[in-house]
Amino acid sequence: MRNHTVPRERAVRESDTSLAELRGDCARMAPHWVKPTAATPAPVPPSLIHGITVPPASARLIDGMAEYGD
């Protein structure tokens, strides 16, 4: 089995990647990504959605966030 560890110098450099570098990397990779050909599924009627629970910690997190446009 091969060791897939990243050399320390490379790991440190990747953690320092700027947003501009990341966007550039993504732009260069975009032509290699394949767009799925599957059709978009039809929306599910609200009457069929049931049994959804939200953990209290998640509800508090969302409640503490600013409203869109604030």
Protein backbone atom coordinates (compact mmCIF):
# COMPACT_ATOMS: atom_id res chain seq x y z
CA MET A 1 0.00 0.00 0.00
CA ARG A 2 1.39 3.42 -0.92
CA ASN A 3 1.71 6.25 1.55
CA HIS A 4 -0.46 9.16 0.33
CA THR A 5 0.80 11.80 2.72
CA VAL A 6 1.44 15.31 1.43
CA PRO A 7 4.94 16.71 1.98
CA ARG A 8 5.00 19.38 4.69
CA GLU A 9 6.13 22.14 2.29
CA ARG A 10 3.24 21.44 -0.10
CA ALA A 11 0.67 21.21 2.71
CA VAL A 12 1.72 24.59 4.09
CA ARG A 13 1.62 26.19 0.64
CA GLU A 14 -1.87 24.81 -0.12
CA SER A 15 -3.18 26.23 3.14
CA ASP A 16 -1.92 29.66 2.04
CA THR A 17 -3.79 29.58 -1.28
CA SER A 18 -5.53 32.87 -1.96
CA LEU A 19 -9.08 33.21 -3.22
CA ALA A 20 -7.76 34.48 -6.55
CA GLU A 21 -5.52 31.41 -6.91
CA LEU A 22 -8.40 29.11 -6.01
CA ARG A 23 -10.69 30.76 -8.56
CA GLY A 24 -7.97 30.45 -11.20
CA ASP A 25 -7.52 26.77 -10.41
CA CYS A 26 -11.27 26.22 -10.71
CA ALA A 27 -11.43 28.11 -14.01
CA ARG A 28 -8.66 25.92 -15.43
CA MET A 29 -10.42 22.75 -14.27
CA ALA A 30 -13.92 23.74 -15.44
CA PRO A 31 -13.45 22.46 -19.01
CA HIS A 32 -12.62 19.01 -17.57
CA TRP A 33 -15.84 18.71 -15.58
CA VAL A 34 -18.71 16.86 -17.18
CA LYS A 35 -22.19 18.32 -16.99
CA PRO A 36 -24.75 15.68 -15.97
CA THR A 37 -27.27 14.83 -18.69
CA ALA A 38 -29.97 13.71 -16.26
CA ALA A 39 -33.21 15.65 -16.27
CA THR A 40 -34.11 17.82 -13.30
CA PRO A 41 -36.51 15.94 -11.00
CA ALA A 42 -40.01 17.32 -10.55
CA PRO A 43 -40.65 19.24 -7.32
CA VAL A 44 -42.20 17.27 -4.47
CA PRO A 45 -45.57 18.61 -3.32
CA PRO A 46 -45.47 19.91 0.27
CA SER A 47 -48.26 17.49 1.20
CA LEU A 48 -45.81 14.60 0.70
CA ILE A 49 -43.13 16.07 2.96
CA HIS A 50 -43.49 14.93 6.55
CA GLY A 51 -41.39 13.84 9.49
CA ILE A 52 -38.76 16.54 9.19
CA THR A 53 -37.00 17.40 12.43
CA VAL A 54 -34.39 20.07 13.04
CA PRO A 55 -31.95 19.63 15.91
CA PRO A 56 -32.21 22.47 18.47
CA ALA A 57 -28.57 23.50 17.90
CA SER A 58 -29.21 23.89 14.17
CA ALA A 59 -32.39 25.88 14.78
CA ARG A 60 -30.49 28.24 17.12
CA LEU A 61 -27.71 28.64 14.53
CA ILE A 62 -30.18 29.62 11.80
CA ASP A 63 -32.17 31.82 14.18
CA GLY A 64 -29.00 33.73 15.05
CA MET A 65 -28.15 34.48 11.40
CA ALA A 66 -29.01 37.79 9.80
CA GLU A 67 -31.99 37.93 7.47
CA TYR A 68 -31.22 38.04 3.76
CA GLY A 69 -30.49 41.60 2.73
CA ASP A 70 -29.65 42.91 6.22
